[in-house]
C-alpha atoms as a PDB file:
ATOM      1  CA  UNK A   1     -24.703 -54.434-222.268  1.00  0.00           C
ATOM      2  CA  UNK A   2     -22.808 -54.476-218.933  1.00  0.00           C
ATOM      3  CA  UNK A   3     -25.429 -54.180-216.112  1.00  0.00           C
ATOM      4  CA  UNK A   4     -27.175 -57.472-215.910  1.00  0.00           C
ATOM      5  CA  UNK A   5     -29.709 -58.870-213.404  1.00  0.00           C
ATOM      6  CA  UNK A   6     -30.328 -62.528-212.663  1.00  0.00           C
ATOM      7  CA  UNK A   7     -33.587 -63.574-210.980  1.00  0.00           C
ATOM      8  CA  UNK A   8     -33.656 -67.030-209.462  1.00  0.00           C
ATOM      9  CA  UNK A   9     -30.460 -68.880-208.133  1.00  0.00           C
ATOM     10  CA  UNK A  10     -31.524 -72.532-208.117  1.00  0.00           C
ATOM     11  CA  UNK A  11     -29.615 -75.466-209.601  1.00  0.00           C
ATOM     12  CA  UNK A  12     -29.407 -73.726-212.946  1.00  0.00           C
ATOM     13  CA  UNK A  13     -29.764 -69.997-212.152  1.00  0.00           C
ATOM     14  CA  UNK A  14     -26.838 -69.898-209.703  1.00  0.00           C
ATOM     15  CA  UNK A  15     -24.147 -71.244-212.128  1.00  0.00           C
ATOM     16  CA  UNK A  16     -25.510 -69.115-214.980  1.00  0.00           C
ATOM     17  CA  UNK A  17     -25.173 -66.046-212.753  1.00  0.00           C
ATOM     18  CA  UNK A  18     -21.640 -67.109-211.814  1.00  0.00           C
ATOM     19  CA  UNK A  19     -20.524 -67.393-215.353  1.00  0.00           C
ATOM     20  CA  UNK A  20     -21.823 -63.785-216.132  1.00  0.00           C
ATOM     21  CA  UNK A  21     -19.858 -62.578-213.216  1.00  0.00           C
ATOM     22  CA  UNK A  22     -16.713 -64.379-214.237  1.00  0.00           C
ATOM     23  CA  UNK A  23     -17.169 -62.792-217.640  1.00  0.00           C
ATOM     24  CA  UNK A  24     -16.987 -59.345-216.185  1.00  0.00           C
ATOM     25  CA  UNK A  25     -20.559 -58.296-216.134  1.00  0.00           C
ATOM     26  CA  UNK A  26     -21.942 -55.978-213.484  1.00  0.00           C
ATOM     27  CA  UNK A  27     -24.261 -58.326-211.804  1.00  0.00           C
ATOM     28  CA  UNK A  28     -27.319 -57.951-209.502  1.00  0.00           C
ATOM     29  CA  UNK A  29     -29.097 -60.920-208.228  1.00  0.00           C
ATOM     30  CA  UNK A  30     -32.253 -61.801-206.461  1.00  0.00           C
ATOM     31  CA  UNK A  31     -33.563 -65.099-205.092  1.00  0.00           C
ATOM     32  CA  UNK A  32     -36.560 -65.900-202.849  1.00  0.00           C
ATOM     33  CA  UNK A  33     -34.064 -67.621-200.386  1.00  0.00           C
ATOM     34  CA  UNK A  34     -31.497 -64.987-199.949  1.00  0.00           C
ATOM     35  CA  UNK A  35     -28.911 -67.315-198.496  1.00  0.00           C
ATOM     36  CA  UNK A  36     -28.392 -68.802-201.963  1.00  0.00           C
ATOM     37  CA  UNK A  37     -26.920 -65.465-203.069  1.00  0.00           C
ATOM     38  CA  UNK A  38     -24.046 -65.514-200.489  1.00  0.00           C
ATOM     39  CA  UNK A  39     -21.398 -67.007-202.652  1.00  0.00           C
ATOM     40  CA  UNK A  40     -22.202 -64.707-205.489  1.00  0.00           C
ATOM     41  CA  UNK A  41     -22.154 -61.734-203.117  1.00  0.00           C
ATOM     42  CA  UNK A  42     -18.634 -62.728-201.945  1.00  0.00           C
ATOM     43  CA  UNK A  43     -17.599 -62.925-205.644  1.00  0.00           C
ATOM     44  CA  UNK A  44     -18.770 -59.328-206.392  1.00  0.00           C
ATOM     45  CA  UNK A  45     -22.543 -59.504-207.245  1.00  0.00           C
ATOM     46  CA  UNK A  46     -24.939 -57.034-205.699  1.00  0.00           C
ATOM     47  CA  UNK A  47     -27.831 -58.706-203.937  1.00  0.00           C
ATOM     48  CA  UNK A  48     -31.277 -57.108-204.210  1.00  0.00           C
ATOM     49  CA  UNK A  49     -34.216 -57.370-201.713  1.00  0.00           C
ATOM     50  CA  UNK A  50     -36.868 -57.775-204.496  1.00  0.00           C
ATOM     51  CA  UNK A  51     -37.186 -58.465-208.204  1.00  0.00           C
ATOM     52  CA  UNK A  52     -38.210 -54.818-208.608  1.00  0.00           C
ATOM     53  CA  UNK A  53     -35.056 -53.600-206.906  1.00  0.00           C
ATOM     54  CA  UNK A  54     -32.848 -56.026-208.868  1.00  0.00           C
ATOM     55  CA  UNK A  55     -34.273 -54.977-212.184  1.00  0.00           C
ATOM     56  CA  UNK A  56     -33.921 -51.158-211.696  1.00  0.00           C
ATOM     57  CA  UNK A  57     -31.282 -49.792-214.022  1.00  0.00           C
ATOM     58  CA  UNK A  58     -30.432 -53.124-215.555  1.00  0.00           C
ATOM     59  CA  UNK A  59     -29.847 -53.371-219.302  1.00  0.00           C
ATOM     60  CA  UNK A  60     -30.958 -56.993-219.309  1.00  0.00           C
ATOM     61  CA  UNK A  61     -32.784 -59.077-216.751  1.00  0.00           C
ATOM     62  CA  UNK A  62     -32.546 -62.859-216.948  1.00  0.00           C
ATOM     63  CA  UNK A  63     -34.995 -65.148-215.054  1.00  0.00           C
ATOM     64  CA  UNK A  64     -34.485 -68.846-214.300  1.00  0.00           C
ATOM     65  CA  UNK A  65     -37.418 -70.018-212.215  1.00  0.00           C
ATOM     66  CA  UNK A  66     -39.462 -73.147-211.352  1.00  0.00           C
ATOM     67  CA  UNK A  67     -42.760 -72.691-213.149  1.00  0.00           C
ATOM     68  CA  UNK A  68     -45.450 -70.280-214.455  1.00  0.00           C
ATOM     69  CA  UNK A  69     -46.564 -69.233-210.984  1.00  0.00           C
ATOM     70  CA  UNK A  70     -43.097 -68.231-209.984  1.00  0.00           C
ATOM     71  CA  UNK A  71     -42.420 -66.440-213.218  1.00  0.00           C
ATOM     72  CA  UNK A  72     -45.659 -64.465-213.074  1.00  0.00           C
ATOM     73  CA  UNK A  73     -44.857 -63.350-209.449  1.00  0.00           C
ATOM     74  CA  UNK A  74     -41.340 -62.404-210.208  1.00  0.00           C
ATOM     75  CA  UNK A  75     -42.128 -60.406-213.342  1.00  0.00           C
ATOM     76  CA  UNK A  76     -45.574 -59.024-212.566  1.00  0.00           C
ATOM     77  CA  UNK A  77     -46.132 -59.368-208.742  1.00  0.00           C
ATOM     78  CA  UNK A  78     -46.279 -56.689-206.227  1.00  0.00           C
ATOM     79  CA  UNK A  79     -42.557 -56.271-206.321  1.00  0.00           C
ATOM     80  CA  UNK A  80     -42.211 -57.524-209.871  1.00  0.00           C
ATOM     81  CA  UNK A  81     -39.323 -56.741-212.190  1.00  0.00           C
ATOM     82  CA  UNK A  82     -41.177 -55.349-215.218  1.00  0.00           C
ATOM     83  CA  UNK A  83     -42.494 -52.386-213.289  1.00  0.00           C
ATOM     84  CA  UNK A  84     -38.973 -50.929-212.760  1.00  0.00           C
ATOM     85  CA  UNK A  85     -37.211 -51.894-215.895  1.00  0.00           C
ATOM     86  CA  UNK A  86     -36.137 -49.079-218.169  1.00  0.00           C
ATOM     87  CA  UNK A  87     -37.688 -48.712-221.635  1.00  0.00           C
ATOM     88  CA  UNK A  88     -35.386 -50.339-224.152  1.00  0.00           C
ATOM     89  CA  UNK A  89     -34.055 -52.807-221.538  1.00  0.00           C
ATOM     90  CA  UNK A  90     -34.325 -56.523-222.352  1.00  0.00           C
ATOM     91  CA  UNK A  91     -36.299 -59.132-220.457  1.00  0.00           C
ATOM     92  CA  UNK A  92     -35.043 -62.756-220.952  1.00  0.00           C
ATOM     93  CA  UNK A  93     -37.077 -65.672-219.597  1.00  0.00           C
ATOM     94  CA  UNK A  94     -35.015 -68.841-219.513  1.00  0.00           C
ATOM     95  CA  UNK A  95     -37.378 -70.915-217.368  1.00  0.00           C
ATOM     96  CA  UNK A  96     -39.248 -73.869-218.820  1.00  0.00           C
ATOM     97  CA  UNK A  97     -42.848 -72.565-218.957  1.00  0.00           C
ATOM     98  CA  UNK A  98     -46.103 -72.920-220.823  1.00  0.00           C
ATOM     99  CA  UNK A  99     -46.209 -71.331-224.239  1.00  0.00           C
ATOM    100  CA  UNK A 100     -49.402 -69.508-223.230  1.00  0.00           C
ATOM    101  CA  UNK A 101     -47.770 -67.706-220.290  1.00  0.00           C
ATOM    102  CA  UNK A 102     -44.601 -66.869-222.248  1.00  0.00           C
ATOM    103  CA  UNK A 103     -46.559 -65.212-224.978  1.00  0.00           C
ATOM    104  CA  UNK A 104     -48.604 -63.289-222.379  1.00  0.00           C
ATOM    105  CA  UNK A 105     -45.409 -62.141-220.636  1.00  0.00           C
ATOM    106  CA  UNK A 106     -43.843 -61.106-223.951  1.00  0.00           C
ATOM    107  CA  UNK A 107     -46.848 -59.014-224.798  1.00  0.00           C
ATOM    108  CA  UNK A 108     -46.749 -57.330-221.411  1.00  0.00           C
ATOM    109  CA  UNK A 109     -43.068 -56.463-221.685  1.00  0.00           C
ATOM    110  CA  UNK A 110     -43.440 -55.081-225.171  1.00  0.00           C
ATOM    111  CA  UNK A 111     -46.404 -52.880-224.061  1.00  0.00           C
ATOM    112  CA  UNK A 112     -43.984 -51.273-221.647  1.00  0.00           C
ATOM    113  CA  UNK A 113     -41.359 -50.679-224.361  1.00  0.00           C
ATOM    114  CA  UNK A 114     -39.184 -53.524-222.948  1.00  0.00           C
ATOM    115  CA  UNK A 115     -37.678 -56.083-225.401  1.00  0.00           C
ATOM    116  CA  UNK A 116     -38.497 -59.740-224.676  1.00  0.00           C
ATOM    117  CA  UNK A 117     -36.897 -63.018-225.469  1.00  0.00           C
ATOM    118  CA  UNK A 118     -37.906 -66.505-224.257  1.00  0.00           C
ATOM    119  CA  UNK A 119     -34.640 -68.444-224.135  1.00  0.00           C
ATOM    120  CA  UNK A 120     -35.019 -71.775-222.175  1.00  0.00           C
ATOM    121  CA  UNK A 121     -31.928 -74.044-222.273  1.00  0.00           C
ATOM    122  CA  UNK A 122     -31.009 -77.615-223.148  1.00  0.00           C
ATOM    123  CA  UNK A 123     -28.807 -79.129-220.481  1.00  0.00           C
ATOM    124  CA  UNK A 124     -28.857 -79.353-216.717  1.00  0.00           C
ATOM    125  CA  UNK A 125     -26.653 -78.447-213.719  1.00  0.00           C
ATOM    126  CA  UNK A 126     -23.319 -79.854-215.059  1.00  0.00           C
ATOM    127  CA  UNK A 127     -23.749 -77.979-218.363  1.00  0.00           C
ATOM    128  CA  UNK A 128     -24.686 -74.777-216.587  1.00  0.00           C
ATOM    129  CA  UNK A 129     -21.544 -75.034-214.504  1.00  0.00           C
ATOM    130  CA  UNK A 130     -19.358 -75.858-217.623  1.00  0.00           C
ATOM    131  CA  UNK A 131     -20.876 -73.121-219.745  1.00  0.00           C
ATOM    132  CA  UNK A 132     -22.314 -75.811-222.094  1.00  0.00           C
ATOM    133  CA  UNK A 133     -25.914 -74.763-222.207  1.00  0.00           C
ATOM    134  CA  UNK A 134     -27.674 -74.196-225.553  1.00  0.00           C
ATOM    135  CA  UNK A 135     -30.297 -71.427-225.589  1.00  0.00           C
ATOM    136  CA  UNK A 136     -33.475 -71.953-227.607  1.00  0.00           C
ATOM    137  CA  UNK A 137     -34.516 -68.435-228.307  1.00  0.00           C
ATOM    138  CA  UNK A 138     -37.797 -66.995-229.494  1.00  0.00           C
ATOM    139  CA  UNK A 139     -38.242 -63.334-230.247  1.00  0.00           C
ATOM    140  CA  UNK A 140     -37.153 -60.538-232.538  1.00  0.00           C
ATOM    141  CA  UNK A 141     -33.935 -61.152-234.410  1.00  0.00           C
ATOM    142  CA  UNK A 142     -32.351 -57.897-233.427  1.00  0.00           C
ATOM    143  CA  UNK A 143     -32.954 -58.569-229.782  1.00  0.00           C
ATOM    144  CA  UNK A 144     -31.525 -62.106-230.199  1.00  0.00           C
ATOM    145  CA  UNK A 145     -28.351 -60.578-231.655  1.00  0.00           C
ATOM    146  CA  UNK A 146     -28.179 -58.018-228.916  1.00  0.00           C
ATOM    147  CA  UNK A 147     -28.395 -60.807-226.192  1.00  0.00           C
ATOM    148  CA  UNK A 148     -25.943 -63.178-228.006  1.00  0.00           C
ATOM    149  CA  UNK A 149     -22.879 -62.146-225.868  1.00  0.00           C
ATOM    150  CA  UNK A 150     -24.870 -63.034-222.799  1.00  0.00           C
ATOM    151  CA  UNK A 151     -25.824 -66.414-224.171  1.00  0.00           C
ATOM    152  CA  UNK A 152     -22.295 -67.125-225.112  1.00  0.00           C
ATOM    153  CA  UNK A 153     -20.957 -66.165-221.612  1.00  0.00           C
ATOM    154  CA  UNK A 154     -23.465 -68.661-220.025  1.00  0.00           C
ATOM    155  CA  UNK A 155     -23.375 -71.355-222.624  1.00  0.00           C
ATOM    156  CA  UNK A 156     -22.011 -72.868-225.811  1.00  0.00           C
ATOM    157  CA  UNK A 157     -24.481 -71.326-228.240  1.00  0.00           C
ATOM    158  CA  UNK A 158     -27.975 -70.166-229.115  1.00  0.00           C
ATOM    159  CA  UNK A 159     -30.512 -71.142-231.783  1.00  0.00           C
ATOM    160  CA  UNK A 160     -33.108 -68.568-232.924  1.00  0.00           C
ATOM    161  CA  UNK A 161     -36.107 -70.696-233.396  1.00  0.00           C
ATOM    162  CA  UNK A 162     -38.799 -68.166-234.227  1.00  0.00           C
ATOM    163  CA  UNK A 163     -41.047 -65.467-232.646  1.00  0.00           C
ATOM    164  CA  UNK A 164     -41.673 -65.192-228.897  1.00  0.00           C
ATOM    165  CA  UNK A 165     -43.129 -68.425-227.468  1.00  0.00           C
ATOM    166  CA  UNK A 166     -41.069 -70.617-230.051  1.00  0.00           C
ATOM    167  CA  UNK A 167     -38.322 -71.252-227.501  1.00  0.00           C
ATOM    168  CA  UNK A 168     -40.756 -72.359-224.859  1.00  0.00           C
ATOM    169  CA  UNK A 169     -42.529 -74.684-227.270  1.00  0.00           C
ATOM    170  CA  UNK A 170     -39.289 -76.383-228.587  1.00  0.00           C
ATOM    171  CA  UNK A 171     -38.055 -76.725-224.935  1.00  0.00           C
ATOM    172  CA  UNK A 172     -41.289 -78.595-223.987  1.00  0.00           C
ATOM    173  CA  UNK A 173     -40.933 -80.826-227.036  1.00  0.00           C
ATOM    174  CA  UNK A 174     -37.351 -81.554-225.959  1.00  0.00           C
ATOM    175  CA  UNK A 175     -38.245 -82.221-222.416  1.00  0.00           C
ATOM    176  CA  UNK A 176     -41.210 -84.400-223.277  1.00  0.00           C
ATOM    177  CA  UNK A 177     -38.871 -86.691-225.258  1.00  0.00           C
ATOM    178  CA  UNK A 178     -36.393 -86.757-222.428  1.00  0.00           C
ATOM    179  CA  UNK A 179     -38.958 -87.538-219.852  1.00  0.00           C
ATOM    180  CA  UNK A 180     -40.361 -90.538-221.870  1.00  0.00           C
ATOM    181  CA  UNK A 181     -36.799 -91.918-222.458  1.00  0.00           C
ATOM    182  CA  UNK A 182     -35.979 -91.732-218.729  1.00  0.00           C
ATOM    183  CA  UNK A 183     -39.260 -93.311-217.646  1.00  0.00           C
ATOM    184  CA  UNK A 184     -38.600 -96.234-220.056  1.00  0.00           C
ATOM    185  CA  UNK A 185     -35.024 -96.420-218.894  1.00  0.00           C
ATOM    186  CA  UNK A 186     -36.228 -96.678-215.239  1.00  0.00           C
ATOM    187  CA  UNK A 187     -38.561 -99.498-216.271  1.00  0.00           C
ATOM    188  CA  UNK A 188     -35.721-101.261-218.150  1.00  0.00           C
ATOM    189  CA  UNK A 189     -33.327-101.010-215.219  1.00  0.00           C
ATOM    190  CA  UNK A 190     -36.027-102.057-212.813  1.00  0.00           C
ATOM    191  CA  UNK A 191     -36.691-105.150-214.975  1.00  0.00           C
ATOM    192  CA  UNK A 192     -33.023-106.012-215.179  1.00  0.00           C
ATOM    193  CA  UNK A 193     -32.657-105.854-211.358  1.00  0.00           C
ATOM    194  CA  UNK A 194     -35.827-107.880-210.612  1.00  0.00           C
ATOM    195  CA  UNK A 195     -34.925-110.607-213.101  1.00  0.00           C
ATOM    196  CA  UNK A 196     -31.320-111.002-211.786  1.00  0.00           C
ATOM    197  CA  UNK A 197     -29.375-109.572-214.685  1.00  0.00           C
ATOM    198  CA  UNK A 198     -26.113-107.710-213.836  1.00  0.00           C
ATOM    199  CA  UNK A 199     -27.033-104.033-213.654  1.00  0.00           C
ATOM    200  CA  UNK A 200     -23.708-102.710-214.604  1.00  0.00           C
ATOM    201  CA  UNK A 201     -23.492-104.930-217.788  1.00  0.00           C
ATOM    202  CA  UNK A 202     -27.073-104.003-218.642  1.00  0.00           C
ATOM    203  CA  UNK A 203     -26.278-100.357-218.371  1.00  0.00           C
ATOM    204  CA  UNK A 204     -23.133-100.726-220.488  1.00  0.00           C
ATOM    205  CA  UNK A 205     -25.096-102.486-223.295  1.00  0.00           C
ATOM    206  CA  UNK A 206     -27.952 -99.861-223.278  1.00  0.00           C
ATOM    207  CA  UNK A 207     -25.462 -96.990-223.261  1.00  0.00           C
ATOM    208  CA  UNK A 208     -23.402 -98.439-226.134  1.00  0.00           C
ATOM    209  CA  UNK A 209     -26.403 -99.425-228.310  1.00  0.00           C
ATOM    210  CA  UNK A 210     -29.263 -97.696-230.047  1.00  0.00           C
ATOM    211  CA  UNK A 211     -30.961 -96.568-226.863  1.00  0.00           C
ATOM    212  CA  UNK A 212     -27.812 -94.708-225.572  1.00  0.00           C
ATOM    213  CA  UNK A 213     -29.000 -91.135-226.194  1.00  0.00           C
ATOM    214  CA  UNK A 214     -27.025 -88.447-224.437  1.00  0.00           C
ATOM    215  CA  UNK A 215     -29.546 -88.125-221.594  1.00  0.00           C
ATOM    216  CA  UNK A 216     -29.760 -91.931-221.155  1.00  0.00           C
ATOM    217  CA  UNK A 217     -25.866 -92.034-220.913  1.00  0.00           C
ATOM    218  CA  UNK A 218     -25.907 -89.117-218.401  1.00  0.00           C
ATOM    219  CA  UNK A 219     -28.605 -90.590-216.118  1.00  0.00           C
ATOM    220  CA  UNK A 220     -27.622 -94.288-216.268  1.00  0.00           C
ATOM    221  CA  UNK A 221     -24.796 -93.933-213.740  1.00  0.00           C
ATOM    222  CA  UNK A 222     -27.064 -92.487-211.243  1.00  0.00           C
ATOM    223  CA  UNK A 223     -29.426 -95.376-211.595  1.00  0.00           C
ATOM    224  CA  UNK A 224     -26.693 -97.966-211.316  1.00  0.00           C
ATOM    225  CA  UNK A 225     -25.044 -96.445-208.321  1.00  0.00           C
ATOM    226  CA  UNK A 226     -28.177 -95.153-206.722  1.00  0.00           C
ATOM    227  CA  UNK A 227     -26.707 -91.712-206.453  1.00  0.00           C
ATOM    228  CA  UNK A 228     -29.503 -89.210-206.874  1.00  0.00           C
ATOM    229  CA  UNK A 229     -27.699 -85.991-206.159  1.00  0.00           C
ATOM    230  CA  UNK A 230     -29.831 -83.407-207.914  1.00  0.00           C
ATOM    231  CA  UNK A 231     -29.062 -82.163-211.385  1.00  0.00           C
ATOM    232  CA  UNK A 232     -32.704 -82.076-212.459  1.00  0.00           C
ATOM    233  CA  UNK A 233     -35.282 -82.486-209.757  1.00  0.00           C
ATOM    234  CA  UNK A 234     -38.207 -85.076-209.983  1.00  0.00           C
ATOM    235  CA  UNK A 235     -40.977 -82.401-209.511  1.00  0.00           C
ATOM    236  CA  UNK A 236     -39.634 -80.335-212.272  1.00  0.00           C
ATOM    237  CA  UNK A 237     -39.877 -83.175-214.849  1.00  0.00           C
ATOM    238  CA  UNK A 238     -43.499 -83.678-213.640  1.00  0.00           C
ATOM    239  CA  UNK A 239     -44.164 -80.023-214.239  1.00  0.00           C
ATOM    240  CA  UNK A 240     -42.440 -80.088-217.746  1.00  0.00           C
ATOM    241  CA  UNK A 241     -44.461 -83.071-218.840  1.00  0.00           C
ATOM    242  CA  UNK A 242     -47.629 -81.448-217.595  1.00  0.00           C
ATOM    243  CA  UNK A 243     -46.955 -78.348-219.506  1.00  0.00           C
ATOM    244  CA  UNK A 244     -45.935 -80.388-222.699  1.00  0.00           C
ATOM    245  CA  UNK A 245     -49.283 -82.193-222.455  1.00  0.00           C
ATOM    246  CA  UNK A 246     -51.238 -78.879-222.272  1.00  0.00           C
ATOM    247  CA  UNK A 247     -49.266 -77.366-225.253  1.00  0.00           C
ATOM    248  CA  UNK A 248     -49.701 -80.460-227.419  1.00  0.00           C
ATOM    249  CA  UNK A 249     -53.450 -80.622-226.459  1.00  0.00           C
ATOM    250  CA  UNK A 250     -53.895 -77.113-227.779  1.00  0.00           C
ATOM    251  CA  UNK A 251     -52.900 -78.443-231.196  1.00  0.00           C
ATOM    252  CA  UNK A 252     -55.070 -81.558-230.894  1.00  0.00           C
ATOM    253  CA  UNK A 253     -52.306 -84.091-229.964  1.00  0.00           C
ATOM    254  CA  UNK A 254     -52.891 -86.330-226.862  1.00  0.00           C
ATOM    255  CA  UNK A 255     -49.514 -87.095-225.396  1.00  0.00           C
ATOM    256  CA  UNK A 256     -50.209 -90.619-224.087  1.00  0.00           C
ATOM    257  CA  UNK A 257     -46.543 -91.335-223.725  1.00  0.00           C
ATOM    258  CA  UNK A 258     -45.995 -88.259-221.601  1.00  0.00           C
ATOM    259  CA  UNK A 259     -48.962 -89.125-219.436  1.00  0.00           C
ATOM    260  CA  UNK A 260     -47.544 -92.638-218.686  1.00  0.00           C
ATOM    261  CA  UNK A 261     -44.045 -91.156-218.082  1.00  0.00           C
ATOM    262  CA  UNK A 262     -45.412 -88.550-215.810  1.00  0.00           C
ATOM    263  CA  UNK A 263     -47.007 -91.238-213.725  1.00  0.00           C
ATOM    264  CA  UNK A 264     -43.604 -92.964-213.168  1.00  0.00           C
ATOM    265  CA  UNK A 265     -42.096 -89.636-211.963  1.00  0.00           C
ATOM    266  CA  UNK A 266     -45.184 -89.051-209.636  1.00  0.00           C
ATOM    267  CA  UNK A 267     -44.530 -92.553-208.202  1.00  0.00           C
ATOM    268  CA  UNK A 268     -40.989 -91.513-207.502  1.00  0.00           C
ATOM    269  CA  UNK A 269     -41.944 -88.371-205.766  1.00  0.00           C
ATOM    270  CA  UNK A 270     -44.552 -90.214-203.690  1.00  0.00           C
ATOM    271  CA  UNK A 271     -41.781 -92.663-202.698  1.00  0.00           C
ATOM    272  CA  UNK A 272     -39.841 -89.794-201.104  1.00  0.00           C
ATOM    273  CA  UNK A 273     -37.628 -88.738-203.998  1.00  0.00           C
ATOM    274  CA  UNK A 274     -39.212 -85.240-204.446  1.00  0.00           C
ATOM    275  CA  UNK A 275     -35.860 -83.451-203.737  1.00  0.00           C
ATOM    276  CA  UNK A 276     -33.756 -85.895-205.688  1.00  0.00           C
ATOM    277  CA  UNK A 277     -32.534 -86.273-209.278  1.00  0.00           C
ATOM    278  CA  UNK A 278     -34.774 -87.533-212.023  1.00  0.00           C
ATOM    279  CA  UNK A 279     -32.631 -90.780-212.150  1.00  0.00           C
ATOM    280  CA  UNK A 280     -34.625 -91.745-209.071  1.00  0.00           C
ATOM    281  CA  UNK A 281     -37.590 -92.525-211.313  1.00  0.00           C
ATOM    282  CA  UNK A 282     -36.108 -96.149-211.222  1.00  0.00           C
ATOM    283  CA  UNK A 283     -36.525 -96.618-207.458  1.00  0.00           C
ATOM    284  CA  UNK A 284     -40.283 -97.619-207.217  1.00  0.00           C
ATOM    285  CA  UNK A 285     -39.606-100.130-209.918  1.00  0.00           C
ATOM    286  CA  UNK A 286     -36.815-101.960-208.110  1.00  0.00           C
ATOM    287  CA  UNK A 287     -37.170-104.769-205.596  1.00  0.00           C
ATOM    288  CA  UNK A 288     -35.483-103.595-202.442  1.00  0.00           C
END
């Protein structure tokens, strides 16, 4: 496949598109805010006026969007991509979405003769820029193999985790655990600050010890320096935890930890950190 379309050029979508362009793919892009496509256009991408226009003639269409509502509009809306995709083309949904919507989208794609993969990623903006994303892929094995060169251009690997919807589910499990860790990290740093402990020494001990998971190590520096340059936005973590709670509830599991963690991120958003990195979850827990 050479003719690829990317829908959505946010913190993740833009660097993913850039890597495809750098690997020699014929790239068409679309974004709701067209100005975000300017740098890609200068590098050789074609900019489309709608998802439908962007998808026309593409061999694969990759979406990286905020939520179910955005995904539904881009794929199935009045100017949606599925309507203009060729039979035999491949639709790849890499957004973090509900399992319910992903399975519905996959069924609608396949009814049109279009292959479908749900392929959300582990990693955030730095990994997208470095080509270090890992794709959690649900769908037909032959389609996974067909798309593997695209995954390798954008990331470090892919894991085929089962039928359509499996990638979405594993991503929600992953992000549920990340959200709970970061909410508890915010509480820990808040406690250290309030009680007079040295924040840098506290962070070093946590990072070097058993709590020091990769995401804890990645976010700690932002909490210590109070640098909340976005890599993963606060509202997106709230959304991911909400989607995880819905998916777990469908199997009879009440995510009490996710509910408590989500409240911490909601507090951060209410405190004015809606457009900042998830490390800002610590701020409402500090004393100024």
